[in-house]
C-alpha atoms as a PDB file:
ATOM      1  CA  UNK A   1     -66.695  -0.442  -4.126  1.00  0.00           C
ATOM      2  CA  UNK A   2     -65.714   2.686  -5.777  1.00  0.00           C
ATOM      3  CA  UNK A   3     -63.617   3.491  -2.513  1.00  0.00           C
ATOM      4  CA  UNK A   4     -61.704   0.001  -2.839  1.00  0.00           C
ATOM      5  CA  UNK A   5     -60.678   0.585  -6.863  1.00  0.00           C
ATOM      6  CA  UNK A   6     -59.756   4.051  -6.076  1.00  0.00           C
ATOM      7  CA  UNK A   7     -57.373   2.849  -3.001  1.00  0.00           C
ATOM      8  CA  UNK A   8     -56.142  -0.139  -5.308  1.00  0.00           C
ATOM      9  CA  UNK A   9     -55.198   2.407  -7.632  1.00  0.00           C
ATOM     10  CA  UNK A  10     -53.657   4.735  -5.533  1.00  0.00           C
ATOM     11  CA  UNK A  11     -51.361   2.018  -4.235  1.00  0.00           C
ATOM     12  CA  UNK A  12     -50.060   0.933  -7.446  1.00  0.00           C
ATOM     13  CA  UNK A  13     -49.646   4.422  -8.105  1.00  0.00           C
ATOM     14  CA  UNK A  14     -47.322   4.920  -5.306  1.00  0.00           C
ATOM     15  CA  UNK A  15     -45.615   1.606  -5.616  1.00  0.00           C
ATOM     16  CA  UNK A  16     -44.778   2.533  -9.401  1.00  0.00           C
ATOM     17  CA  UNK A  17     -43.656   5.857  -8.638  1.00  0.00           C
ATOM     18  CA  UNK A  18     -41.290   4.195  -5.901  1.00  0.00           C
ATOM     19  CA  UNK A  19     -40.112   2.197  -8.558  1.00  0.00           C
ATOM     20  CA  UNK A  20     -39.507   4.605 -11.343  1.00  0.00           C
ATOM     21  CA  UNK A  21     -37.695   7.144  -8.756  1.00  0.00           C
ATOM     22  CA  UNK A  22     -35.410   4.179  -7.889  1.00  0.00           C
ATOM     23  CA  UNK A  23     -34.363   3.887 -11.686  1.00  0.00           C
ATOM     24  CA  UNK A  24     -33.180   7.138 -12.098  1.00  0.00           C
ATOM     25  CA  UNK A  25     -30.612   7.325 -15.261  1.00  0.00           C
ATOM     26  CA  UNK A  26     -28.037  10.022 -15.773  1.00  0.00           C
ATOM     27  CA  UNK A  27     -28.037  10.789 -18.860  1.00  0.00           C
ATOM     28  CA  UNK A  28     -24.842  12.683 -20.217  1.00  0.00           C
ATOM     29  CA  UNK A  29     -24.128  15.344 -23.115  1.00  0.00           C
ATOM     30  CA  UNK A  30     -22.435  12.778 -25.570  1.00  0.00           C
ATOM     31  CA  UNK A  31     -22.920  12.972 -29.271  1.00  0.00           C
ATOM     32  CA  UNK A  32     -21.441   9.597 -30.699  1.00  0.00           C
ATOM     33  CA  UNK A  33     -22.589   7.296 -27.353  1.00  0.00           C
ATOM     34  CA  UNK A  34     -19.177   5.608 -27.483  1.00  0.00           C
ATOM     35  CA  UNK A  35     -17.796   7.279 -24.195  1.00  0.00           C
ATOM     36  CA  UNK A  36     -20.850   6.606 -22.468  1.00  0.00           C
ATOM     37  CA  UNK A  37     -20.492   2.750 -23.408  1.00  0.00           C
ATOM     38  CA  UNK A  38     -17.332   2.635 -22.102  1.00  0.00           C
ATOM     39  CA  UNK A  39     -17.554   4.143 -18.747  1.00  0.00           C
ATOM     40  CA  UNK A  40     -20.770   1.500 -18.524  1.00  0.00           C
ATOM     41  CA  UNK A  41     -18.761  -1.175 -18.818  1.00  0.00           C
ATOM     42  CA  UNK A  42     -15.624   0.078 -17.166  1.00  0.00           C
ATOM     43  CA  UNK A  43     -13.255  -0.452 -19.957  1.00  0.00           C
ATOM     44  CA  UNK A  44     -11.784   2.514 -21.069  1.00  0.00           C
ATOM     45  CA  UNK A  45      -8.668   0.596 -22.410  1.00  0.00           C
ATOM     46  CA  UNK A  46      -7.101  -0.185 -25.867  1.00  0.00           C
ATOM     47  CA  UNK A  47      -9.421  -3.464 -25.902  1.00  0.00           C
ATOM     48  CA  UNK A  48     -12.872  -1.885 -25.507  1.00  0.00           C
ATOM     49  CA  UNK A  49     -13.980  -2.566 -29.208  1.00  0.00           C
ATOM     50  CA  UNK A  50     -13.096  -6.326 -28.477  1.00  0.00           C
ATOM     51  CA  UNK A  51     -14.670  -6.528 -25.970  1.00  0.00           C
ATOM     52  CA  UNK A  52     -18.326  -5.100 -27.190  1.00  0.00           C
ATOM     53  CA  UNK A  53     -17.555  -7.133 -30.384  1.00  0.00           C
ATOM     54  CA  UNK A  54     -17.179 -10.600 -28.144  1.00  0.00           C
ATOM     55  CA  UNK A  55     -20.306 -12.897 -27.479  1.00  0.00           C
ATOM     56  CA  UNK A  56     -21.981 -14.084 -24.430  1.00  0.00           C
ATOM     57  CA  UNK A  57     -21.536 -17.326 -23.247  1.00  0.00           C
ATOM     58  CA  UNK A  58     -22.709 -19.254 -19.865  1.00  0.00           C
ATOM     59  CA  UNK A  59     -19.474 -19.281 -17.523  1.00  0.00           C
ATOM     60  CA  UNK A  60     -21.500 -21.484 -14.805  1.00  0.00           C
ATOM     61  CA  UNK A  61     -24.703 -22.071 -12.766  1.00  0.00           C
ATOM     62  CA  UNK A  62     -25.758 -21.310  -9.107  1.00  0.00           C
ATOM     63  CA  UNK A  63     -27.749 -23.722  -7.828  1.00  0.00           C
ATOM     64  CA  UNK A  64     -30.505 -22.402  -5.808  1.00  0.00           C
ATOM     65  CA  UNK A  65     -32.718 -24.873  -3.178  1.00  0.00           C
ATOM     66  CA  UNK A  66     -36.173 -25.791  -3.518  1.00  0.00           C
ATOM     67  CA  UNK A  67     -38.246 -26.254  -6.546  1.00  0.00           C
ATOM     68  CA  UNK A  68     -37.060 -25.670  -9.679  1.00  0.00           C
ATOM     69  CA  UNK A  69     -37.378 -22.319 -11.140  1.00  0.00           C
ATOM     70  CA  UNK A  70     -40.326 -22.242 -13.856  1.00  0.00           C
ATOM     71  CA  UNK A  71     -41.732 -19.121 -11.851  1.00  0.00           C
ATOM     72  CA  UNK A  72     -40.485 -16.048 -11.692  1.00  0.00           C
ATOM     73  CA  UNK A  73     -40.804 -12.235 -11.844  1.00  0.00           C
ATOM     74  CA  UNK A  74     -38.884  -9.058 -12.227  1.00  0.00           C
ATOM     75  CA  UNK A  75     -35.108  -9.058 -10.575  1.00  0.00           C
ATOM     76  CA  UNK A  76     -33.041  -6.608  -8.800  1.00  0.00           C
ATOM     77  CA  UNK A  77     -29.387  -5.927  -8.755  1.00  0.00           C
ATOM     78  CA  UNK A  78     -28.187  -4.015  -5.545  1.00  0.00           C
ATOM     79  CA  UNK A  79     -25.086  -2.299  -6.573  1.00  0.00           C
ATOM     80  CA  UNK A  80     -24.761  -1.571  -2.652  1.00  0.00           C
ATOM     81  CA  UNK A  81     -24.450  -4.742  -1.603  1.00  0.00           C
ATOM     82  CA  UNK A  82     -23.652  -6.632  -4.898  1.00  0.00           C
ATOM     83  CA  UNK A  83     -27.007  -8.955  -4.621  1.00  0.00           C
ATOM     84  CA  UNK A  84     -29.109 -10.243  -6.959  1.00  0.00           C
ATOM     85  CA  UNK A  85     -32.710 -10.457  -5.774  1.00  0.00           C
ATOM     86  CA  UNK A  86     -35.325 -12.644  -7.530  1.00  0.00           C
ATOM     87  CA  UNK A  87     -38.744 -12.506  -7.169  1.00  0.00           C
ATOM     88  CA  UNK A  88     -39.072 -16.413  -7.471  1.00  0.00           C
ATOM     89  CA  UNK A  89     -42.519 -17.534  -7.543  1.00  0.00           C
ATOM     90  CA  UNK A  90     -41.988 -21.746  -7.912  1.00  0.00           C
ATOM     91  CA  UNK A  91     -40.454 -21.427  -4.240  1.00  0.00           C
ATOM     92  CA  UNK A  92     -42.697 -18.428  -3.300  1.00  0.00           C
ATOM     93  CA  UNK A  93     -40.682 -15.700  -1.389  1.00  0.00           C
ATOM     94  CA  UNK A  94     -37.555 -14.057  -2.984  1.00  0.00           C
ATOM     95  CA  UNK A  95     -33.851 -15.714  -3.714  1.00  0.00           C
ATOM     96  CA  UNK A  96     -31.125 -13.735  -2.765  1.00  0.00           C
ATOM     97  CA  UNK A  97     -27.254 -14.349  -4.697  1.00  0.00           C
ATOM     98  CA  UNK A  98     -24.140 -12.676  -3.955  1.00  0.00           C
ATOM     99  CA  UNK A  99     -23.092 -11.525  -7.750  1.00  0.00           C
ATOM    100  CA  UNK A 100     -19.318 -11.123  -6.661  1.00  0.00           C
ATOM    101  CA  UNK A 101     -19.159 -14.640  -5.488  1.00  0.00           C
ATOM    102  CA  UNK A 102     -21.821 -16.525  -7.192  1.00  0.00           C
ATOM    103  CA  UNK A 103     -23.174 -17.943  -4.443  1.00  0.00           C
ATOM    104  CA  UNK A 104     -26.579 -18.253  -2.887  1.00  0.00           C
ATOM    105  CA  UNK A 105     -27.151 -16.594   0.562  1.00  0.00           C
ATOM    106  CA  UNK A 106     -31.128 -17.068   1.367  1.00  0.00           C
ATOM    107  CA  UNK A 107     -34.646 -16.758   0.503  1.00  0.00           C
ATOM    108  CA  UNK A 108     -37.152 -14.255   1.862  1.00  0.00           C
ATOM    109  CA  UNK A 109     -39.947 -17.010   2.308  1.00  0.00           C
ATOM    110  CA  UNK A 110     -44.066 -16.718   3.395  1.00  0.00           C
ATOM    111  CA  UNK A 111     -45.294 -15.019  -0.276  1.00  0.00           C
ATOM    112  CA  UNK A 112     -48.019 -16.730  -1.886  1.00  0.00           C
ATOM    113  CA  UNK A 113     -46.190 -18.406  -5.055  1.00  0.00           C
ATOM    114  CA  UNK A 114     -47.677 -19.343  -8.130  1.00  0.00           C
ATOM    115  CA  UNK A 115     -51.629 -19.362  -7.889  1.00  0.00           C
ATOM    116  CA  UNK A 116     -53.723 -21.464 -10.386  1.00  0.00           C
ATOM    117  CA  UNK A 117     -57.098 -20.825 -11.826  1.00  0.00           C
ATOM    118  CA  UNK A 118     -59.703 -22.907 -12.314  1.00  0.00           C
ATOM    119  CA  UNK A 119     -58.823 -24.187 -15.312  1.00  0.00           C
ATOM    120  CA  UNK A 120     -55.345 -25.040 -14.241  1.00  0.00           C
ATOM    121  CA  UNK A 121     -53.373 -22.251 -15.857  1.00  0.00           C
ATOM    122  CA  UNK A 122     -51.736 -19.751 -13.698  1.00  0.00           C
ATOM    123  CA  UNK A 123     -53.098 -16.952 -12.685  1.00  0.00           C
ATOM    124  CA  UNK A 124     -50.831 -14.129 -12.777  1.00  0.00           C
ATOM    125  CA  UNK A 125     -52.774 -11.251 -10.523  1.00  0.00           C
ATOM    126  CA  UNK A 126     -52.725 -13.854  -7.608  1.00  0.00           C
ATOM    127  CA  UNK A 127     -49.404 -15.273  -7.663  1.00  0.00           C
ATOM    128  CA  UNK A 128     -46.600 -13.682  -6.087  1.00  0.00           C
ATOM    129  CA  UNK A 129     -43.924 -12.341  -5.299  1.00  0.00           C
ATOM    130  CA  UNK A 130     -44.841  -9.886  -8.459  1.00  0.00           C
ATOM    131  CA  UNK A 131     -40.952  -7.713  -8.934  1.00  0.00           C
ATOM    132  CA  UNK A 132     -38.996  -6.787  -6.231  1.00  0.00           C
ATOM    133  CA  UNK A 133     -37.224  -3.667  -5.545  1.00  0.00           C
ATOM    134  CA  UNK A 134     -34.275  -3.031  -2.468  1.00  0.00           C
ATOM    135  CA  UNK A 135     -33.684   0.323  -0.674  1.00  0.00           C
ATOM    136  CA  UNK A 136     -30.494   1.626   0.192  1.00  0.00           C
ATOM    137  CA  UNK A 137     -31.638   1.000   3.805  1.00  0.00           C
ATOM    138  CA  UNK A 138     -31.853  -3.118   3.058  1.00  0.00           C
ATOM    139  CA  UNK A 139     -35.528  -3.667   2.763  1.00  0.00           C
ATOM    140  CA  UNK A 140     -37.166  -5.052  -0.035  1.00  0.00           C
ATOM    141  CA  UNK A 141     -40.507  -4.416  -1.509  1.00  0.00           C
ATOM    142  CA  UNK A 142     -42.443  -6.258  -3.394  1.00  0.00           C
ATOM    143  CA  UNK A 143     -45.959  -7.255  -4.801  1.00  0.00           C
ATOM    144  CA  UNK A 144     -47.750 -10.386  -3.541  1.00  0.00           C
ATOM    145  CA  UNK A 145     -51.091 -12.430  -4.675  1.00  0.00           C
ATOM    146  CA  UNK A 146     -53.970 -11.184  -3.482  1.00  0.00           C
ATOM    147  CA  UNK A 147     -53.506  -7.407  -3.883  1.00  0.00           C
ATOM    148  CA  UNK A 148     -50.582  -7.061  -1.082  1.00  0.00           C
ATOM    149  CA  UNK A 149     -47.516  -5.309  -0.902  1.00  0.00           C
ATOM    150  CA  UNK A 150     -44.795  -6.608   1.207  1.00  0.00           C
ATOM    151  CA  UNK A 151     -41.720  -5.388   2.534  1.00  0.00           C
ATOM    152  CA  UNK A 152     -39.177  -7.857   4.249  1.00  0.00           C
ATOM    153  CA  UNK A 153     -35.424  -7.744   6.051  1.00  0.00           C
ATOM    154  CA  UNK A 154     -32.620  -8.517   3.583  1.00  0.00           C
ATOM    155  CA  UNK A 155     -30.269  -6.858   5.571  1.00  0.00           C
ATOM    156  CA  UNK A 156     -27.722  -9.355   7.214  1.00  0.00           C
ATOM    157  CA  UNK A 157     -26.382  -7.434   9.843  1.00  0.00           C
ATOM    158  CA  UNK A 158     -30.312  -7.423  11.172  1.00  0.00           C
ATOM    159  CA  UNK A 159     -31.675  -9.958  13.723  1.00  0.00           C
ATOM    160  CA  UNK A 160     -34.599  -9.837  11.596  1.00  0.00           C
ATOM    161  CA  UNK A 161     -33.121 -11.016   8.080  1.00  0.00           C
ATOM    162  CA  UNK A 162     -35.177 -12.453   5.536  1.00  0.00           C
ATOM    163  CA  UNK A 163     -38.398 -11.897   7.633  1.00  0.00           C
ATOM    164  CA  UNK A 164     -41.325 -10.142   6.349  1.00  0.00           C
ATOM    165  CA  UNK A 165     -41.532  -7.056   8.613  1.00  0.00           C
ATOM    166  CA  UNK A 166     -44.820  -5.858   7.032  1.00  0.00           C
ATOM    167  CA  UNK A 167     -47.728  -6.836   4.599  1.00  0.00           C
ATOM    168  CA  UNK A 168     -50.100  -3.804   3.346  1.00  0.00           C
ATOM    169  CA  UNK A 169     -53.367  -4.834   1.646  1.00  0.00           C
ATOM    170  CA  UNK A 170     -53.675  -2.405  -1.194  1.00  0.00           C
ATOM    171  CA  UNK A 171     -57.354  -3.282  -1.778  1.00  0.00           C
END
C-alpha cells in the first residue's frame, strides 16, 4: 500500500512539474507595468487606454457536437497551433477549437467522462479528463479518472490524429 501511495505522489509531482515548466512567465523589469500591458495586448498605438477601458462582450458562440458541456476542467490555448483544447467531461474527451477561425476541429475520445458517486453527485476524483496541456510535439497530456495519465496525438498531419497513444496508470 505504501508503494502505491508513493508512486501516485511521484506521478502527480511529475505532472505538476511538467505543467509548471510549461507555464513559465517572462517578467521584465518595468516599474509601472504599462509597457508590459501594451506588449501583452499588442497595442502600442494611441488607442491603448481606450482598449483597456472597453468592456468585453460576447461576439459569438462556437457549436460543439455531442452533449451540452456541463462539466469541464482546465483548458489550454496553444499559441503555435492557434488551438484551444478543452477538457470536456460532458463528452468524455478533449475538444479542439481553432481560435483563429472560431471553428470546432475535433475531439479526442475515449476518456472517462463524468463519474457519479453513489449519492448522485459527481465524483471529481473519478471523472476525466482533468485538465489538458499540449507539448510542442503536439501531444496532449491529461489526467483521467482512475489515476490515469493519458497522452493523445493532436497533430492534424499525423496518421494517429485524435487518438490516445498511451495511458499510464499512476496507482
